[in-house]
Amino acid sequence: MTHTEKGTQTVGSPDARGGTAAALTRARTDSPRPREWKTRFGPSGIHLFDRTAGLNVLLDEVTVESTRWSRAPRQVSVALTNRCDLACAHCYAPKSRDTLHFDTVTGWLNEFDTNGTLGVGFGGGEPTLYPRFTELCQHAACETRLSVSFTTHGHGIDRKMADGLRGSVHFIRVSMDGVKDTYESIRRRSFAILVEQLKVIQGISQFGVNVVVNKRTVGELDEVAEVAADSGAAELLLLPQEQTHRVSAVGAATMRELQRWVDGYDGSLKLCINEAHAAGFPTCDPLVAEHGLRAYAHIDATGTIKPTSYHATGVAVGEGGVLEALELLARDMREDRP
């Protein structure tokens, strides 16, 4: 089971309860460190999570009364800033300089933590351009029980930043859209330097690679997976291209090619795919009863909370905090249904 941004499902995973039990046995055998479990209550049962090991245990034989369900989403993502030093055509983030205030974000994190959220994923824009990014990650790790992750293009992480983030980040997602010439034509950055940067990132925390899947990149998935695995990545997140004002959404032919690739993949990486495109793939989701805003919410760089980062509209988080804004968003979504 993955704890990443909403809408990522593990592809080709074994039964979740069997897999969790096996992981728990290995962890108890190999590590004397006492577990620091965070507990979440919901319609699927009691969810225990250890952010350091990334270990999940679901007690789905326990029925939890709805009055005791955790009020906050299981996972949240926060776009700290819309600033980015790249200009990728497939990027859907607004092109503006909106940036969230540090104290505002820490207040939200504390509220999410208190009300049952398990993890926060920082994004943007490019989150490493956020003025107090290292300090924010340190705050989240030390002052909350949230698992801390972020998505980055990877080129802005120097040794000083890496030293500051080590011990305060639990997972990093690095964007790699194709390899070599394809990557460089999309990102306008050196692929060789990216591969070197992965060594720096590996020294911070466990990491995975994200790839936007389109006609250009789908044929390079073998090479992407090979580079990722050789660099020490733990997983590969497949993101079929969404429509922006500059590119069209992924086509049916490309999706069929992606399905064939997934069916034939026998490498070491855990494969994940965003939920919007998961139909037809062998995914594993043990928390099927926990969906919508109970599973995930996104706050953009203007302070607007949305069902996903792809949504154009949402509800501004005001003085009443994130839970009040979530309730208003849930009401608006109910009213929008036919």
C-alpha atoms as a PDB file:
ATOM      1  CA  MET A   1       0.000   0.000   0.000  1.00  0.00           C
ATOM      2  CA  THR A   2       1.437   3.355  -0.942  1.00  0.00           C
ATOM      3  CA  HIS A   3       1.247   6.564   1.044  1.00  0.00           C
ATOM      4  CA  THR A   4       1.816   9.111  -1.646  1.00  0.00           C
ATOM      5  CA  GLU A   5      -0.283  11.687  -3.356  1.00  0.00           C
ATOM      6  CA  LYS A   6      -3.839  10.659  -3.959  1.00  0.00           C
ATOM      7  CA  GLY A   7      -4.581   8.594  -6.731  1.00  0.00           C
ATOM      8  CA  THR A   8      -1.553   6.393  -6.756  1.00  0.00           C
ATOM      9  CA  GLN A   9      -2.230   2.711  -6.671  1.00  0.00           C
ATOM     10  CA  THR A  10       0.316  -0.064  -6.379  1.00  0.00           C
ATOM     11  CA  VAL A  11       0.414  -2.140  -9.545  1.00  0.00           C
ATOM     12  CA  GLY A  12       0.785  -5.896  -9.412  1.00  0.00           C
ATOM     13  CA  SER A  13       0.942  -6.087  -5.592  1.00  0.00           C
ATOM     14  CA  PRO A  14       0.118  -9.220  -3.609  1.00  0.00           C
ATOM     15  CA  ASP A  15      -2.810  -9.346  -1.216  1.00  0.00           C
ATOM     16  CA  ALA A  16      -2.347  -6.369   1.068  1.00  0.00           C
ATOM     17  CA  ARG A  17      -2.916  -8.160   4.353  1.00  0.00           C
ATOM     18  CA  GLY A  18      -0.512 -10.957   3.461  1.00  0.00           C
ATOM     19  CA  GLY A  19       2.081  -8.468   2.285  1.00  0.00           C
ATOM     20  CA  THR A  20       1.710  -6.379   5.429  1.00  0.00           C
ATOM     21  CA  ALA A  21       2.079  -9.382   7.694  1.00  0.00           C
ATOM     22  CA  ALA A  22       5.243 -10.470   5.887  1.00  0.00           C
ATOM     23  CA  ALA A  23       6.731  -6.993   6.121  1.00  0.00           C
ATOM     24  CA  LEU A  24       5.857  -6.784   9.802  1.00  0.00           C
ATOM     25  CA  THR A  25       7.574 -10.098  10.512  1.00  0.00           C
ATOM     26  CA  ARG A  26      10.745  -9.006   8.735  1.00  0.00           C
ATOM     27  CA  ALA A  27      10.755  -5.659  10.510  1.00  0.00           C
ATOM     28  CA  ARG A  28      10.446  -7.247  13.931  1.00  0.00           C
ATOM     29  CA  THR A  29      13.241  -9.667  13.146  1.00  0.00           C
ATOM     30  CA  ASP A  30      15.657  -7.211  11.557  1.00  0.00           C
ATOM     31  CA  SER A  31      15.197  -4.044  13.631  1.00  0.00           C
ATOM     32  CA  PRO A  32      15.278  -3.639  17.411  1.00  0.00           C
ATOM     33  CA  ARG A  33      13.978  -0.064  17.113  1.00  0.00           C
ATOM     34  CA  PRO A  34      10.625   0.291  18.896  1.00  0.00           C
ATOM     35  CA  ARG A  35       7.746   1.083  16.565  1.00  0.00           C
ATOM     36  CA  GLU A  36       6.237   4.572  16.608  1.00  0.00           C
ATOM     37  CA  TRP A  37       2.763   3.788  15.400  1.00  0.00           C
ATOM     38  CA  LYS A  38       0.301   6.447  14.353  1.00  0.00           C
ATOM     39  CA  THR A  39      -3.319   5.308  14.495  1.00  0.00           C
ATOM     40  CA  ARG A  40      -6.066   6.278  12.085  1.00  0.00           C
ATOM     41  CA  PHE A  41      -9.710   5.238  12.382  1.00  0.00           C
ATOM     42  CA  GLY A  42     -11.965   4.861   9.353  1.00  0.00           C
ATOM     43  CA  PRO A  43     -14.538   2.825   7.450  1.00  0.00           C
ATOM     44  CA  SER A  44     -11.925   0.184   6.586  1.00  0.00           C
ATOM     45  CA  GLY A  45     -10.956  -0.417  10.213  1.00  0.00           C
ATOM     46  CA  ILE A  46      -7.982   0.670  12.303  1.00  0.00           C
ATOM     47  CA  HIS A  47      -4.947   1.747  10.285  1.00  0.00           C
ATOM     48  CA  LEU A  48      -1.534   1.687  11.997  1.00  0.00           C
ATOM     49  CA  PHE A  49       1.355   3.465  10.295  1.00  0.00           C
ATOM     50  CA  ASP A  50       5.074   3.740  11.055  1.00  0.00           C
ATOM     51  CA  ARG A  51       6.434   6.641   9.031  1.00  0.00           C
ATOM     52  CA  THR A  52      10.099   5.690   9.468  1.00  0.00           C
ATOM     53  CA  ALA A  53       9.727   2.192   8.038  1.00  0.00           C
ATOM     54  CA  GLY A  54       6.794   3.091   5.793  1.00  0.00           C
ATOM     55  CA  LEU A  55       5.012   0.119   7.318  1.00  0.00           C
ATOM     56  CA  ASN A  56       1.197  -0.106   7.281  1.00  0.00           C
ATOM     57  CA  VAL A  57      -0.974  -2.516   9.245  1.00  0.00           C
ATOM     58  CA  LEU A  58      -4.727  -2.548   8.617  1.00  0.00           C
ATOM     59  CA  LEU A  59      -6.943  -4.149  11.256  1.00  0.00           C
ATOM     60  CA  ASP A  60      -9.883  -4.582   8.926  1.00  0.00           C
ATOM     61  CA  GLU A  61     -11.634  -7.079  11.180  1.00  0.00           C
ATOM     62  CA  VAL A  62     -12.397  -4.194  13.562  1.00  0.00           C
ATOM     63  CA  THR A  63     -15.547  -2.181  12.916  1.00  0.00           C
ATOM     64  CA  VAL A  64     -15.133   1.477  13.828  1.00  0.00           C
ATOM     65  CA  GLU A  65     -18.222   3.584  14.517  1.00  0.00           C
ATOM     66  CA  SER A  66     -18.497   6.492  12.101  1.00  0.00           C
ATOM     67  CA  THR A  67     -18.435   8.971  14.986  1.00  0.00           C
ATOM     68  CA  ARG A  68     -14.839   7.871  15.678  1.00  0.00           C
ATOM     69  CA  TRP A  69     -13.532   8.108  12.097  1.00  0.00           C
ATOM     70  CA  SER A  70     -10.561  10.426  11.669  1.00  0.00           C
ATOM     71  CA  ARG A  71     -11.767  13.761  10.332  1.00  0.00           C
ATOM     72  CA  ALA A  72      -8.838  14.717   8.113  1.00  0.00           C
ATOM     73  CA  PRO A  73      -7.837  13.056   4.821  1.00  0.00           C
ATOM     74  CA  ARG A  74      -5.420  10.134   5.020  1.00  0.00           C
ATOM     75  CA  GLN A  75      -2.954  11.948   2.772  1.00  0.00           C
ATOM     76  CA  VAL A  76      -2.586  15.592   1.799  1.00  0.00           C
ATOM     77  CA  SER A  77      -0.405  17.393  -0.707  1.00  0.00           C
ATOM     78  CA  VAL A  78       0.585  21.036  -0.422  1.00  0.00           C
ATOM     79  CA  ALA A  79       1.904  23.147  -3.295  1.00  0.00           C
ATOM     80  CA  LEU A  80       4.237  25.412  -1.351  1.00  0.00           C
ATOM     81  CA  THR A  81       4.938  27.685  -4.299  1.00  0.00           C
ATOM     82  CA  ASN A  82       4.077  27.980  -7.979  1.00  0.00           C
ATOM     83  CA  ARG A  83       7.630  29.080  -8.740  1.00  0.00           C
ATOM     84  CA  CYS A  84       9.644  26.720 -10.929  1.00  0.00           C
ATOM     85  CA  ASP A  85      12.860  27.123 -12.885  1.00  0.00           C
ATOM     86  CA  LEU A  86      11.654  24.728 -15.605  1.00  0.00           C
ATOM     87  CA  ALA A  87       8.842  25.140 -18.149  1.00  0.00           C
ATOM     88  CA  CYS A  88       7.650  21.631 -19.037  1.00  0.00           C
ATOM     89  CA  ALA A  89       4.792  21.570 -21.540  1.00  0.00           C
ATOM     90  CA  HIS A  90       2.888  18.871 -19.661  1.00  0.00           C
ATOM     91  CA  CYS A  91       2.951  20.724 -16.324  1.00  0.00           C
ATOM     92  CA  TYR A  92      -0.502  21.742 -15.078  1.00  0.00           C
ATOM     93  CA  ALA A  93       0.716  23.998 -12.226  1.00  0.00           C
ATOM     94  CA  PRO A  94      -0.281  27.674 -12.617  1.00  0.00           C
ATOM     95  CA  LYS A  95       2.468  29.963 -13.864  1.00  0.00           C
ATOM     96  CA  SER A  96       2.581  32.494 -11.048  1.00  0.00           C
ATOM     97  CA  ARG A  97       4.720  33.435  -8.074  1.00  0.00           C
ATOM     98  CA  ASP A  98       2.159  32.501  -5.419  1.00  0.00           C
ATOM     99  CA  THR A  99       3.867  31.180  -2.290  1.00  0.00           C
ATOM    100  CA  LEU A 100       2.354  30.048   1.007  1.00  0.00           C
ATOM    101  CA  HIS A 101       3.393  31.666   4.296  1.00  0.00           C
ATOM    102  CA  PHE A 102       5.535  29.445   6.526  1.00  0.00           C
ATOM    103  CA  ASP A 103       3.458  29.916   9.683  1.00  0.00           C
ATOM    104  CA  THR A 104       0.257  29.225   7.768  1.00  0.00           C
ATOM    105  CA  VAL A 105       1.582  25.908   6.474  1.00  0.00           C
ATOM    106  CA  THR A 106       2.850  24.767   9.883  1.00  0.00           C
ATOM    107  CA  GLY A 107      -0.542  25.552  11.381  1.00  0.00           C
ATOM    108  CA  TRP A 108      -2.245  23.413   8.734  1.00  0.00           C
ATOM    109  CA  LEU A 109       0.199  20.572   9.320  1.00  0.00           C
ATOM    110  CA  ASN A 110      -0.527  20.584  13.034  1.00  0.00           C
ATOM    111  CA  GLU A 111      -4.270  20.478  12.361  1.00  0.00           C
ATOM    112  CA  PHE A 112      -3.948  17.640   9.857  1.00  0.00           C
ATOM    113  CA  ASP A 113      -1.723  15.699  12.240  1.00  0.00           C
ATOM    114  CA  THR A 114      -4.096  16.061  15.174  1.00  0.00           C
ATOM    115  CA  ASN A 115      -7.065  14.878  13.106  1.00  0.00           C
ATOM    116  CA  GLY A 116      -5.649  11.684  11.629  1.00  0.00           C
ATOM    117  CA  THR A 117      -3.683  12.547   8.479  1.00  0.00           C
ATOM    118  CA  LEU A 118      -0.776  10.146   8.020  1.00  0.00           C
ATOM    119  CA  GLY A 119       1.383  11.931   5.471  1.00  0.00           C
ATOM    120  CA  VAL A 120       2.022  15.216   3.692  1.00  0.00           C
ATOM    121  CA  GLY A 121       3.569  15.558   0.248  1.00  0.00           C
ATOM    122  CA  PHE A 122       5.112  18.907  -0.647  1.00  0.00           C
ATOM    123  CA  GLY A 123       5.051  20.026  -4.262  1.00  0.00           C
ATOM    124  CA  GLY A 124       4.718  23.084  -6.415  1.00  0.00           C
ATOM    125  CA  GLY A 125       5.998  24.448  -8.686  1.00  0.00           C
ATOM    126  CA  GLU A 126       9.351  23.249  -7.448  1.00  0.00           C
ATOM    127  CA  PRO A 127       9.235  22.887  -3.649  1.00  0.00           C
ATOM    128  CA  THR A 128      13.005  23.188  -3.177  1.00  0.00           C
ATOM    129  CA  LEU A 129      12.654  26.823  -4.305  1.00  0.00           C
ATOM    130  CA  TYR A 130      10.481  27.538  -1.254  1.00  0.00           C
ATOM    131  CA  PRO A 131      12.514  29.968   0.907  1.00  0.00           C
ATOM    132  CA  ARG A 132      12.355  27.904   4.143  1.00  0.00           C
ATOM    133  CA  PHE A 133      11.912  24.465   2.647  1.00  0.00           C
ATOM    134  CA  THR A 134      14.458  22.623   4.790  1.00  0.00           C
ATOM    135  CA  GLU A 135      13.143  24.271   7.936  1.00  0.00           C
ATOM    136  CA  LEU A 136       9.579  23.323   7.015  1.00  0.00           C
ATOM    137  CA  CYS A 137      10.491  19.650   6.541  1.00  0.00           C
ATOM    138  CA  GLN A 138      12.343  19.687   9.864  1.00  0.00           C
ATOM    139  CA  HIS A 139       9.292  21.174  11.574  1.00  0.00           C
ATOM    140  CA  ALA A 140       6.963  18.552  10.086  1.00  0.00           C
ATOM    141  CA  ALA A 141       9.281  15.734  11.142  1.00  0.00           C
ATOM    142  CA  CYS A 142       9.950  17.005  14.655  1.00  0.00           C
ATOM    143  CA  GLU A 143       6.713  18.716  15.648  1.00  0.00           C
ATOM    144  CA  THR A 144       4.186  16.348  14.030  1.00  0.00           C
ATOM    145  CA  ARG A 145       3.859  12.615  13.414  1.00  0.00           C
ATOM    146  CA  LEU A 146       3.280  13.095   9.692  1.00  0.00           C
ATOM    147  CA  SER A 147       5.259  11.228   7.089  1.00  0.00           C
ATOM    148  CA  VAL A 148       7.051  13.854   4.981  1.00  0.00           C
ATOM    149  CA  SER A 149       7.606  13.498   1.242  1.00  0.00           C
ATOM    150  CA  PHE A 150       8.120  15.831  -1.687  1.00  0.00           C
ATOM    151  CA  THR A 151       8.209  15.771  -5.482  1.00  0.00           C
ATOM    152  CA  THR A 152      11.102  17.486  -7.245  1.00  0.00           C
ATOM    153  CA  HIS A 153      12.966  17.720 -10.525  1.00  0.00           C
ATOM    154  CA  GLY A 154      16.058  17.073  -8.428  1.00  0.00           C
ATOM    155  CA  HIS A 155      18.436  19.618  -9.902  1.00  0.00           C
ATOM    156  CA  GLY A 156      18.231  22.116  -7.036  1.00  0.00           C
ATOM    157  CA  ILE A 157      19.307  19.834  -4.194  1.00  0.00           C
ATOM    158  CA  ASP A 158      22.893  20.564  -3.236  1.00  0.00           C
ATOM    159  CA  ARG A 159      24.938  18.947  -0.460  1.00  0.00           C
ATOM    160  CA  LYS A 160      23.942  21.594   2.084  1.00  0.00           C
ATOM    161  CA  MET A 161      20.241  21.078   1.447  1.00  0.00           C
ATOM    162  CA  ALA A 162      20.710  17.313   1.486  1.00  0.00           C
ATOM    163  CA  ASP A 163      22.388  17.486   4.886  1.00  0.00           C
ATOM    164  CA  GLY A 164      19.525  19.600   6.225  1.00  0.00           C
ATOM    165  CA  LEU A 165      16.820  17.293   4.889  1.00  0.00           C
ATOM    166  CA  ARG A 166      18.414  14.029   6.031  1.00  0.00           C
ATOM    167  CA  GLY A 167      16.373  12.620   8.905  1.00  0.00           C
ATOM    168  CA  SER A 168      13.425  14.952   8.236  1.00  0.00           C
ATOM    169  CA  VAL A 169      12.110  13.455   4.975  1.00  0.00           C
ATOM    170  CA  HIS A 170      10.733   9.946   4.594  1.00  0.00           C
ATOM    171  CA  PHE A 171      10.354   9.697   0.812  1.00  0.00           C
ATOM    172  CA  ILE A 172      11.319  11.743  -2.248  1.00  0.00           C
ATOM    173  CA  ARG A 173       9.796  11.562  -5.723  1.00  0.00           C
ATOM    174  CA  VAL A 174      12.031  12.585  -8.613  1.00  0.00           C
ATOM    175  CA  SER A 175      10.569  13.448 -12.019  1.00  0.00           C
ATOM    176  CA  MET A 176      12.259  11.679 -14.935  1.00  0.00           C
ATOM    177  CA  ASP A 177      10.325  11.931 -18.194  1.00  0.00           C
ATOM    178  CA  GLY A 178      12.210   9.626 -20.512  1.00  0.00           C
ATOM    179  CA  VAL A 179      15.985   9.348 -20.738  1.00  0.00           C
ATOM    180  CA  LYS A 180      18.839  11.134 -22.472  1.00  0.00           C
ATOM    181  CA  ASP A 181      17.656  13.242 -25.444  1.00  0.00           C
ATOM    182  CA  THR A 182      13.974  12.817 -24.639  1.00  0.00           C
ATOM    183  CA  TYR A 183      14.448  13.927 -21.049  1.00  0.00           C
ATOM    184  CA  GLU A 184      16.622  16.862 -22.073  1.00  0.00           C
ATOM    185  CA  SER A 185      14.173  18.051 -24.741  1.00  0.00           C
ATOM    186  CA  ILE A 186      11.350  18.070 -22.169  1.00  0.00           C
ATOM    187  CA  ARG A 187      13.160  19.307 -19.080  1.00  0.00           C
ATOM    188  CA  ARG A 188      15.900  21.431 -20.694  1.00  0.00           C
ATOM    189  CA  ARG A 189      18.351  20.013 -18.169  1.00  0.00           C
ATOM    190  CA  SER A 190      21.234  17.545 -18.453  1.00  0.00           C
ATOM    191  CA  PHE A 191      20.212  13.919 -18.031  1.00  0.00           C
ATOM    192  CA  ALA A 192      23.728  12.982 -16.924  1.00  0.00           C
ATOM    193  CA  ILE A 193      23.552  15.569 -14.147  1.00  0.00           C
ATOM    194  CA  LEU A 194      20.158  14.215 -13.058  1.00  0.00           C
ATOM    195  CA  VAL A 195      21.643  10.729 -12.713  1.00  0.00           C
ATOM    196  CA  GLU A 196      24.417  12.200 -10.557  1.00  0.00           C
ATOM    197  CA  GLN A 197      21.804  14.047  -8.493  1.00  0.00           C
ATOM    198  CA  LEU A 198      20.068  10.762  -7.740  1.00  0.00           C
ATOM    199  CA  LYS A 199      23.158   9.752  -5.740  1.00  0.00           C
ATOM    200  CA  VAL A 200      22.731  12.874  -3.602  1.00  0.00           C
ATOM    201  CA  ILE A 201      19.013  12.203  -3.173  1.00  0.00           C
ATOM    202  CA  GLN A 202      19.614   8.573  -2.219  1.00  0.00           C
ATOM    203  CA  GLY A 203      21.686   9.863   0.690  1.00  0.00           C
ATOM    204  CA  ILE A 204      18.673  11.756   2.074  1.00  0.00           C
ATOM    205  CA  SER A 205      15.954   9.119   2.136  1.00  0.00           C
ATOM    206  CA  GLN A 206      14.285   6.368   0.178  1.00  0.00           C
ATOM    207  CA  PHE A 207      13.150   7.687  -3.187  1.00  0.00           C
ATOM    208  CA  GLY A 208      11.115   6.846  -6.263  1.00  0.00           C
ATOM    209  CA  VAL A 209      10.956   8.040  -9.853  1.00  0.00           C
ATOM    210  CA  ASN A 210       7.913   9.617 -11.531  1.00  0.00           C
ATOM    211  CA  VAL A 211       7.467   9.482 -15.294  1.00  0.00           C
ATOM    212  CA  VAL A 212       4.828  11.308 -17.323  1.00  0.00           C
ATOM    213  CA  VAL A 213       3.699   8.738 -19.878  1.00  0.00           C
ATOM    214  CA  ASN A 214       3.018   9.992 -23.391  1.00  0.00           C
ATOM    215  CA  LYS A 215       3.859   8.976 -26.953  1.00  0.00           C
ATOM    216  CA  ARG A 216       7.469  10.052 -26.510  1.00  0.00           C
ATOM    217  CA  THR A 217       8.196   8.439 -23.139  1.00  0.00           C
ATOM    218  CA  VAL A 218       6.228   5.176 -23.268  1.00  0.00           C
ATOM    219  CA  GLY A 219       8.823   3.566 -25.515  1.00  0.00           C
ATOM    220  CA  GLU A 220      11.593   4.406 -23.035  1.00  0.00           C
ATOM    221  CA  LEU A 221      10.049   2.870 -19.924  1.00  0.00           C
ATOM    222  CA  ASP A 222      12.529  -0.024 -19.919  1.00  0.00           C
ATOM    223  CA  GLU A 223      15.408   2.436 -19.830  1.00  0.00           C
ATOM    224  CA  VAL A 224      13.700   4.662 -17.251  1.00  0.00           C
ATOM    225  CA  ALA A 225      13.127   1.654 -14.993  1.00  0.00           C
ATOM    226  CA  GLU A 226      16.699   0.472 -15.451  1.00  0.00           C
ATOM    227  CA  VAL A 227      18.206   3.858 -14.570  1.00  0.00           C
ATOM    228  CA  ALA A 228      15.870   4.186 -11.592  1.00  0.00           C
ATOM    229  CA  ALA A 229      16.680   0.718 -10.253  1.00  0.00           C
ATOM    230  CA  ASP A 230      20.426   1.130 -10.805  1.00  0.00           C
ATOM    231  CA  SER A 231      20.281   4.438  -8.920  1.00  0.00           C
ATOM    232  CA  GLY A 232      18.602   2.839  -5.912  1.00  0.00           C
ATOM    233  CA  ALA A 233      14.977   3.871  -6.451  1.00  0.00           C
ATOM    234  CA  ALA A 234      12.282   1.889  -4.667  1.00  0.00           C
ATOM    235  CA  GLU A 235       9.376   2.500  -7.016  1.00  0.00           C
ATOM    236  CA  LEU A 236       8.272   3.858 -10.378  1.00  0.00           C
ATOM    237  CA  LEU A 237       5.166   6.036 -10.502  1.00  0.00           C
ATOM    238  CA  LEU A 238       3.452   6.073 -13.907  1.00  0.00           C
ATOM    239  CA  LEU A 239       1.589   9.306 -14.657  1.00  0.00           C
ATOM    240  CA  PRO A 240      -0.329   9.190 -17.941  1.00  0.00           C
ATOM    241  CA  GLN A 241      -0.243  12.691 -19.380  1.00  0.00           C
ATOM    242  CA  GLU A 242      -3.102  15.034 -18.500  1.00  0.00           C
ATOM    243  CA  GLN A 243      -4.329  17.749 -20.852  1.00  0.00           C
ATOM    244  CA  THR A 244      -2.886  21.224 -20.385  1.00  0.00           C
ATOM    245  CA  HIS A 245      -3.105  24.322 -22.561  1.00  0.00           C
ATOM    246  CA  ARG A 246       0.030  23.098 -24.364  1.00  0.00           C
ATOM    247  CA  VAL A 247      -0.432  19.320 -24.666  1.00  0.00           C
ATOM    248  CA  SER A 248      -3.296  16.874 -25.119  1.00  0.00           C
ATOM    249  CA  ALA A 249      -4.201  14.061 -22.758  1.00  0.00           C
ATOM    250  CA  VAL A 250      -2.597  10.659 -23.284  1.00  0.00           C
ATOM    251  CA  GLY A 251      -4.201   8.720 -26.130  1.00  0.00           C
ATOM    252  CA  ALA A 252      -5.790   5.275 -26.122  1.00  0.00           C
ATOM    253  CA  ALA A 253      -2.986   3.730 -28.178  1.00  0.00           C
ATOM    254  CA  THR A 254      -0.372   4.943 -25.698  1.00  0.00           C
ATOM    255  CA  MET A 255      -2.411   3.580 -22.795  1.00  0.00           C
ATOM    256  CA  ARG A 256      -2.596   0.174 -24.473  1.00  0.00           C
ATOM    257  CA  GLU A 257       1.176   0.244 -24.939  1.00  0.00           C
ATOM    258  CA  LEU A 258       1.577   1.163 -21.274  1.00  0.00           C
ATOM    259  CA  GLN A 259      -0.628  -1.758 -20.239  1.00  0.00           C
ATOM    260  CA  ARG A 260       1.480  -4.150 -22.289  1.00  0.00           C
ATOM    261  CA  TRP A 261       4.630  -2.787 -20.678  1.00  0.00           C
ATOM    262  CA  VAL A 262       3.225  -3.197 -17.160  1.00  0.00           C
ATOM    263  CA  ASP A 263       2.088  -6.757 -17.945  1.00  0.00           C
ATOM    264  CA  GLY A 264       5.586  -7.653 -19.103  1.00  0.00           C
ATOM    265  CA  TYR A 265       7.610  -5.859 -16.441  1.00  0.00           C
ATOM    266  CA  ASP A 266       9.572  -8.224 -14.220  1.00  0.00           C
ATOM    267  CA  GLY A 267      12.044  -5.821 -12.613  1.00  0.00           C
ATOM    268  CA  SER A 268      12.635  -4.957  -8.974  1.00  0.00           C
ATOM    269  CA  LEU A 269      10.742  -1.664  -8.787  1.00  0.00           C
ATOM    270  CA  LYS A 270       7.301  -1.383  -7.243  1.00  0.00           C
ATOM    271  CA  LEU A 271       5.008   0.028  -9.920  1.00  0.00           C
ATOM    272  CA  CYS A 272       2.343   2.627  -9.116  1.00  0.00           C
ATOM    273  CA  ILE A 273      -0.146   4.510 -11.278  1.00  0.00           C
ATOM    274  CA  ASN A 274      -2.431   7.456 -10.574  1.00  0.00           C
ATOM    275  CA  GLU A 275      -5.989   6.485  -9.773  1.00  0.00           C
ATOM    276  CA  ALA A 276      -7.554   8.348 -12.688  1.00  0.00           C
ATOM    277  CA  HIS A 277      -5.914   5.903 -15.115  1.00  0.00           C
ATOM    278  CA  ALA A 278      -5.853   2.743 -12.976  1.00  0.00           C
ATOM    279  CA  ALA A 279      -8.710   0.932 -14.753  1.00  0.00           C
ATOM    280  CA  GLY A 280      -7.429  -2.168 -16.517  1.00  0.00           C
ATOM    281  CA  PHE A 281      -4.248  -2.402 -14.438  1.00  0.00           C
ATOM    282  CA  PRO A 282      -3.648  -5.038 -11.720  1.00  0.00           C
ATOM    283  CA  THR A 283      -3.791  -2.624  -8.793  1.00  0.00           C
ATOM    284  CA  CYS A 284      -4.110  -3.193  -5.065  1.00  0.00           C
ATOM    285  CA  ASP A 285      -6.190  -0.889  -2.879  1.00  0.00           C
ATOM    286  CA  PRO A 286      -7.020  -2.325   0.571  1.00  0.00           C
ATOM    287  CA  LEU A 287      -8.799   0.900   1.613  1.00  0.00           C
ATOM    288  CA  VAL A 288     -11.605   0.883  -0.942  1.00  0.00           C
ATOM    289  CA  ALA A 289     -14.100   2.192   1.618  1.00  0.00           C
ATOM    290  CA  GLU A 290     -11.948   5.266   2.272  1.00  0.00           C
ATOM    291  CA  HIS A 291     -12.244   7.423  -0.824  1.00  0.00           C
ATOM    292  CA  GLY A 292     -12.762  11.012  -1.909  1.00  0.00           C
ATOM    293  CA  LEU A 293     -11.859  13.674   0.650  1.00  0.00           C
ATOM    294  CA  ARG A 294     -11.525  11.007   3.316  1.00  0.00           C
ATOM    295  CA  ALA A 295      -8.545   9.652   1.373  1.00  0.00           C
ATOM    296  CA  TYR A 296      -6.904  12.752  -0.065  1.00  0.00           C
ATOM    297  CA  ALA A 297      -6.989  16.528  -0.456  1.00  0.00           C
ATOM    298  CA  HIS A 298      -4.702  19.077  -2.076  1.00  0.00           C
ATOM    299  CA  ILE A 299      -3.925  22.662  -1.066  1.00  0.00           C
ATOM    300  CA  ASP A 300      -2.550  24.864  -3.824  1.00  0.00           C
ATOM    301  CA  ALA A 301      -0.113  27.765  -3.517  1.00  0.00           C
ATOM    302  CA  THR A 302      -2.963  30.274  -3.112  1.00  0.00           C
ATOM    303  CA  GLY A 303      -4.288  28.447  -0.034  1.00  0.00           C
ATOM    304  CA  THR A 304      -7.231  26.800  -1.826  1.00  0.00           C
ATOM    305  CA  ILE A 305      -8.141  23.246  -0.861  1.00  0.00           C
ATOM    306  CA  LYS A 306      -9.267  20.951  -3.682  1.00  0.00           C
ATOM    307  CA  PRO A 307     -10.180  17.295  -4.253  1.00  0.00           C
ATOM    308  CA  THR A 308      -7.029  16.855  -6.385  1.00  0.00           C
ATOM    309  CA  SER A 309      -4.254  19.014  -7.771  1.00  0.00           C
ATOM    310  CA  TYR A 310      -5.885  18.767 -11.218  1.00  0.00           C
ATOM    311  CA  HIS A 311      -9.076  20.528 -10.110  1.00  0.00           C
ATOM    312  CA  ALA A 312      -9.361  24.172 -11.157  1.00  0.00           C
ATOM    313  CA  THR A 313     -11.509  25.311  -8.222  1.00  0.00           C
ATOM    314  CA  GLY A 314     -11.889  24.630  -4.529  1.00  0.00           C
ATOM    315  CA  VAL A 315     -12.444  26.396  -1.207  1.00  0.00           C
ATOM    316  CA  ALA A 316     -10.081  28.957   0.319  1.00  0.00           C
ATOM    317  CA  VAL A 317      -8.716  27.869   3.707  1.00  0.00           C
ATOM    318  CA  GLY A 318      -9.686  30.687   6.056  1.00  0.00           C
ATOM    319  CA  GLU A 319      -9.395  31.442   9.742  1.00  0.00           C
ATOM    320  CA  GLY A 320     -11.565  28.422  10.533  1.00  0.00           C
ATOM    321  CA  GLY A 321      -8.762  26.138   9.426  1.00  0.00           C
ATOM    322  CA  VAL A 322      -8.489  23.174   7.099  1.00  0.00           C
ATOM    323  CA  LEU A 323     -11.286  21.079   8.625  1.00  0.00           C
ATOM    324  CA  GLU A 324     -13.824  23.858   8.151  1.00  0.00           C
ATOM    325  CA  ALA A 325     -12.674  24.327   4.549  1.00  0.00           C
ATOM    326  CA  LEU A 326     -12.901  20.557   3.967  1.00  0.00           C
ATOM    327  CA  GLU A 327     -16.492  20.528   5.199  1.00  0.00           C
ATOM    328  CA  LEU A 328     -17.389  23.383   2.846  1.00  0.00           C
ATOM    329  CA  LEU A 329     -15.654  21.611  -0.044  1.00  0.00           C
ATOM    330  CA  ALA A 330     -17.477  18.359   0.703  1.00  0.00           C
ATOM    331  CA  ARG A 331     -20.794  20.228   0.745  1.00  0.00           C
ATOM    332  CA  ASP A 332     -20.023  21.910  -2.577  1.00  0.00           C
ATOM    333  CA  MET A 333     -19.133  18.562  -4.124  1.00  0.00           C
ATOM    334  CA  ARG A 334     -22.395  17.004  -2.932  1.00  0.00           C
ATOM    335  CA  GLU A 335     -24.375  19.913  -4.366  1.00  0.00           C
ATOM    336  CA  ASP A 336     -22.606  19.572  -7.718  1.00  0.00           C
ATOM    337  CA  ARG A 337     -23.736  15.982  -8.142  1.00  0.00           C
ATOM    338  CA  PRO A 338     -26.688  15.451 -10.515  1.00  0.00           C
END
